[in-house]
N, C-alpha and C. Protein backbone atom coordinates (compact mmCIF):
# COMPACT_ATOMS: atom_id res chain seq x y z
N MET A 1 0.86 -1.06 -0.05
CA MET A 1 0.04 0.05 -0.01
C MET A 1 0.72 1.21 -0.05
N SER A 2 0.67 2.13 -0.75
CA SER A 2 0.99 3.35 -1.07
C SER A 2 0.81 4.52 -0.19
N VAL A 3 1.53 5.43 0.14
CA VAL A 3 1.11 6.56 1.06
C VAL A 3 1.33 7.98 0.31
N CYS A 4 0.27 8.63 -0.02
CA CYS A 4 0.53 10.04 -0.50
C CYS A 4 1.06 11.01 0.43
N PRO A 5 2.13 11.57 0.07
CA PRO A 5 2.79 12.43 1.16
C PRO A 5 2.25 13.84 1.19
N VAL A 6 1.16 14.27 0.34
CA VAL A 6 0.60 15.58 0.34
C VAL A 6 -0.86 15.21 1.35
N CYS A 7 -1.45 14.00 1.07
CA CYS A 7 -2.64 13.82 1.81
C CYS A 7 -2.22 13.39 3.30
N ASN A 8 -1.11 12.88 3.47
CA ASN A 8 -0.74 12.56 4.74
C ASN A 8 0.34 13.71 5.61
N GLY A 9 0.17 14.85 4.90
CA GLY A 9 0.93 15.88 5.49
C GLY A 9 2.39 15.95 5.46
N PHE A 10 3.07 14.95 4.80
CA PHE A 10 4.60 14.84 5.08
C PHE A 10 5.26 15.79 4.17
N ARG A 11 4.65 16.39 3.03
CA ARG A 11 5.12 17.23 2.17
C ARG A 11 4.20 18.25 1.69
N ASP A 12 4.51 19.60 1.37
CA ASP A 12 3.72 20.35 0.56
C ASP A 12 4.33 20.69 -0.62
N VAL A 13 3.46 20.94 -1.63
CA VAL A 13 3.78 21.11 -3.19
C VAL A 13 3.31 22.39 -3.37
N TYR A 14 4.14 23.38 -3.81
CA TYR A 14 3.93 24.80 -4.13
C TYR A 14 3.99 25.09 -5.59
N LEU A 15 3.03 25.28 -6.09
CA LEU A 15 2.81 25.60 -7.66
C LEU A 15 2.29 27.05 -7.85
N LEU A 16 2.81 27.72 -9.07
CA LEU A 16 2.55 28.97 -9.32
C LEU A 16 1.45 28.89 -10.60
N CYS A 17 0.50 29.55 -10.65
CA CYS A 17 -0.49 29.68 -11.66
C CYS A 17 0.08 29.88 -12.83
N ALA A 18 -0.16 29.06 -14.02
CA ALA A 18 0.47 29.31 -15.43
C ALA A 18 -0.16 30.51 -16.08
N TYR A 19 -1.46 31.07 -15.52
CA TYR A 19 -1.97 32.19 -16.20
C TYR A 19 -1.67 33.38 -15.48
N CYS A 20 -1.56 33.46 -14.18
CA CYS A 20 -1.35 34.90 -13.46
C CYS A 20 -0.13 34.74 -12.60
N SER A 21 0.45 33.78 -12.55
CA SER A 21 1.77 33.51 -11.71
C SER A 21 1.55 33.69 -10.13
N GLU A 22 0.27 33.68 -9.71
CA GLU A 22 0.17 33.39 -8.21
C GLU A 22 -0.07 32.24 -7.68
N PRO A 23 0.30 31.93 -6.30
CA PRO A 23 0.58 30.77 -5.71
C PRO A 23 -0.80 30.02 -5.69
N MET A 24 -0.77 28.64 -6.24
CA MET A 24 -1.99 27.83 -6.23
C MET A 24 -2.15 27.18 -4.75
N LEU A 25 -3.49 26.88 -4.49
CA LEU A 25 -3.95 26.29 -3.12
C LEU A 25 -4.16 24.87 -3.60
N GLU A 26 -3.62 23.98 -2.54
CA GLU A 26 -4.08 22.68 -2.69
C GLU A 26 -5.41 22.47 -2.11
N SER A 27 -6.40 21.74 -2.97
CA SER A 27 -7.76 21.64 -2.47
C SER A 27 -8.17 20.34 -2.21
N GLY A 28 -7.11 19.29 -2.39
CA GLY A 28 -7.56 18.07 -1.87
C GLY A 28 -7.53 16.88 -3.02
N ARG A 29 -7.79 15.66 -2.74
CA ARG A 29 -7.93 14.71 -3.92
C ARG A 29 -9.13 14.92 -4.80
N ILE A 30 -8.73 14.88 -6.05
CA ILE A 30 -9.97 15.14 -7.15
C ILE A 30 -11.19 14.02 -6.69
N MET A 31 -10.84 12.87 -6.45
CA MET A 31 -11.99 12.13 -5.91
C MET A 31 -12.91 12.45 -4.96
N ASP A 32 -12.47 13.23 -4.13
CA ASP A 32 -13.34 13.72 -2.97
C ASP A 32 -14.36 14.67 -3.52
N PHE A 33 -14.46 15.01 -4.93
CA PHE A 33 -15.18 16.09 -5.37
C PHE A 33 -16.23 15.39 -6.23
N TYR A 34 -16.24 14.06 -6.36
CA TYR A 34 -17.08 13.40 -7.16
C TYR A 34 -18.52 13.42 -6.87
N ASP A 35 -18.89 12.86 -5.59
CA ASP A 35 -20.04 13.05 -5.19
C ASP A 35 -20.07 13.10 -3.44
N ASN A 36 -21.29 13.07 -2.90
CA ASN A 36 -21.34 13.33 -1.38
C ASN A 36 -20.45 12.03 -0.64
N TYR A 37 -20.36 10.83 -0.90
CA TYR A 37 -19.98 9.73 -0.59
C TYR A 37 -18.50 9.38 -0.96
N SER A 38 -18.01 10.01 -2.12
CA SER A 38 -16.68 9.67 -2.62
C SER A 38 -15.54 9.99 -1.52
N PRO A 39 -15.51 10.90 -0.46
CA PRO A 39 -14.42 11.08 0.42
C PRO A 39 -14.54 9.55 1.36
N TYR A 40 -15.46 8.88 1.39
CA TYR A 40 -15.37 7.97 2.43
C TYR A 40 -15.15 6.50 1.63
N MET A 41 -15.18 6.51 0.38
CA MET A 41 -14.74 5.21 -0.40
C MET A 41 -13.27 4.90 -0.32
N GLU A 42 -13.01 3.72 -0.58
CA GLU A 42 -11.66 3.18 -0.63
C GLU A 42 -10.95 3.68 -1.66
N ILE A 43 -9.64 4.27 -1.08
CA ILE A 43 -8.93 5.16 -2.36
C ILE A 43 -8.53 4.37 -3.38
N ASP A 44 -8.01 3.21 -3.29
CA ASP A 44 -7.64 2.26 -4.25
C ASP A 44 -8.72 1.99 -5.34
N LEU A 45 -9.88 1.70 -4.90
CA LEU A 45 -11.07 1.71 -5.68
C LEU A 45 -11.35 2.85 -6.44
N MET A 46 -11.34 3.94 -5.78
CA MET A 46 -11.61 5.24 -6.36
C MET A 46 -10.70 5.63 -7.60
N LYS A 47 -9.47 4.96 -7.39
CA LYS A 47 -8.31 5.09 -8.41
C LYS A 47 -8.60 4.61 -9.75
N MET A 48 -9.35 3.54 -9.46
CA MET A 48 -9.62 2.50 -10.77
C MET A 48 -10.89 3.27 -11.50
N GLU A 49 -11.55 4.25 -10.76
CA GLU A 49 -12.68 4.97 -11.55
C GLU A 49 -12.50 6.33 -11.63
N ASP A 50 -11.14 6.72 -11.63
CA ASP A 50 -10.97 8.36 -11.57
C ASP A 50 -10.58 8.76 -12.91
N GLY A 51 -10.58 7.93 -14.08
CA GLY A 51 -10.32 8.45 -15.49
C GLY A 51 -8.94 8.77 -15.86
N TYR A 52 -7.94 8.34 -14.77
CA TYR A 52 -6.76 8.52 -15.26
C TYR A 52 -6.07 7.23 -15.31
N PRO A 53 -5.50 6.75 -16.36
CA PRO A 53 -5.07 5.27 -16.65
C PRO A 53 -4.06 4.90 -15.72
N ASP A 54 -3.23 5.54 -15.11
CA ASP A 54 -2.00 5.03 -14.27
C ASP A 54 -1.99 5.43 -12.81
N THR A 55 -3.10 5.94 -12.26
CA THR A 55 -3.12 6.42 -10.94
C THR A 55 -2.89 4.97 -9.88
N ASN A 56 -3.47 4.12 -10.34
CA ASN A 56 -3.55 2.88 -9.35
C ASN A 56 -2.23 2.25 -9.65
N SER A 57 -1.93 1.77 -10.82
CA SER A 57 -0.73 0.94 -11.19
C SER A 57 0.43 1.70 -11.06
N GLY A 58 0.53 3.08 -11.29
CA GLY A 58 1.57 3.81 -11.00
C GLY A 58 1.86 4.65 -9.77
N HIS A 59 1.12 4.41 -8.66
CA HIS A 59 1.02 4.74 -7.32
C HIS A 59 0.94 6.19 -7.57
N LYS A 60 0.08 7.00 -7.98
CA LYS A 60 -0.12 8.42 -8.12
C LYS A 60 -1.41 8.93 -7.74
N CYS A 61 -1.46 9.88 -6.85
CA CYS A 61 -2.54 10.54 -6.14
C CYS A 61 -2.85 11.80 -6.99
N PRO A 62 -4.09 12.03 -7.61
CA PRO A 62 -4.45 13.14 -8.28
C PRO A 62 -5.14 14.12 -7.50
N HIS A 63 -4.43 15.41 -7.37
CA HIS A 63 -4.91 16.57 -6.32
C HIS A 63 -5.35 17.71 -7.14
N LEU A 64 -6.28 18.37 -6.57
CA LEU A 64 -6.78 19.54 -7.41
C LEU A 64 -6.06 20.77 -6.73
N TYR A 65 -5.42 21.54 -7.54
CA TYR A 65 -4.62 22.82 -7.06
C TYR A 65 -5.71 24.00 -7.76
N ARG A 66 -5.89 24.92 -7.21
CA ARG A 66 -6.79 26.12 -7.38
C ARG A 66 -6.03 27.46 -7.30
N CYS A 67 -6.23 28.35 -8.27
CA CYS A 67 -5.51 29.60 -8.04
C CYS A 67 -6.79 30.51 -7.56
N PRO A 68 -6.38 31.24 -6.37
CA PRO A 68 -7.40 32.14 -5.76
C PRO A 68 -7.53 33.29 -6.58
N SER A 69 -6.63 33.93 -7.38
CA SER A 69 -6.75 35.05 -8.17
C SER A 69 -7.61 34.88 -9.32
N CYS A 70 -7.29 33.94 -10.17
CA CYS A 70 -8.03 33.69 -11.48
C CYS A 70 -9.01 32.72 -11.56
N GLN A 71 -8.92 31.90 -10.62
CA GLN A 71 -9.86 30.76 -10.49
C GLN A 71 -9.44 29.64 -11.32
N HIS A 72 -8.20 29.50 -12.11
CA HIS A 72 -7.76 28.44 -12.52
C HIS A 72 -7.60 27.15 -11.87
N ASP A 73 -8.14 26.07 -12.41
CA ASP A 73 -7.81 24.70 -11.85
C ASP A 73 -6.86 23.93 -12.51
N GLU A 74 -6.20 23.01 -11.77
CA GLU A 74 -5.15 22.14 -12.50
C GLU A 74 -5.05 21.01 -11.53
N ILE A 75 -5.05 19.86 -12.25
CA ILE A 75 -4.78 18.35 -11.57
C ILE A 75 -3.46 18.13 -11.72
N ILE A 76 -2.93 17.71 -10.39
CA ILE A 76 -1.52 17.46 -10.29
C ILE A 76 -1.55 16.13 -9.56
N LEU A 77 -0.67 15.08 -10.56
CA LEU A 77 -0.47 13.77 -9.88
C LEU A 77 0.69 13.60 -9.08
N ILE A 78 0.55 13.29 -7.79
CA ILE A 78 1.51 13.48 -6.92
C ILE A 78 2.05 11.77 -6.65
N LYS A 79 3.41 11.57 -6.82
CA LYS A 79 3.88 10.36 -6.63
C LYS A 79 3.91 9.84 -5.13
N GLU A 80 3.19 8.71 -5.05
CA GLU A 80 3.10 8.09 -3.68
C GLU A 80 4.28 7.20 -3.41
């Protein structure tokens, strides 16, 4: 079982927005936004349904980063 360093608070990832160069905010795993129950589902099962072909086999955790200035969203795959 792999562990995401961002989900578990081991590491922070700082990104600058590609459009306005402001710091982006980490908003959590993308799977948590699917529906009301998805944050409570098994992580490995959600990775099989997230639409990214290698998140489960490649041990990657997709996180949503959002720019507070221009509202640009970006999905970043974090290596577990």
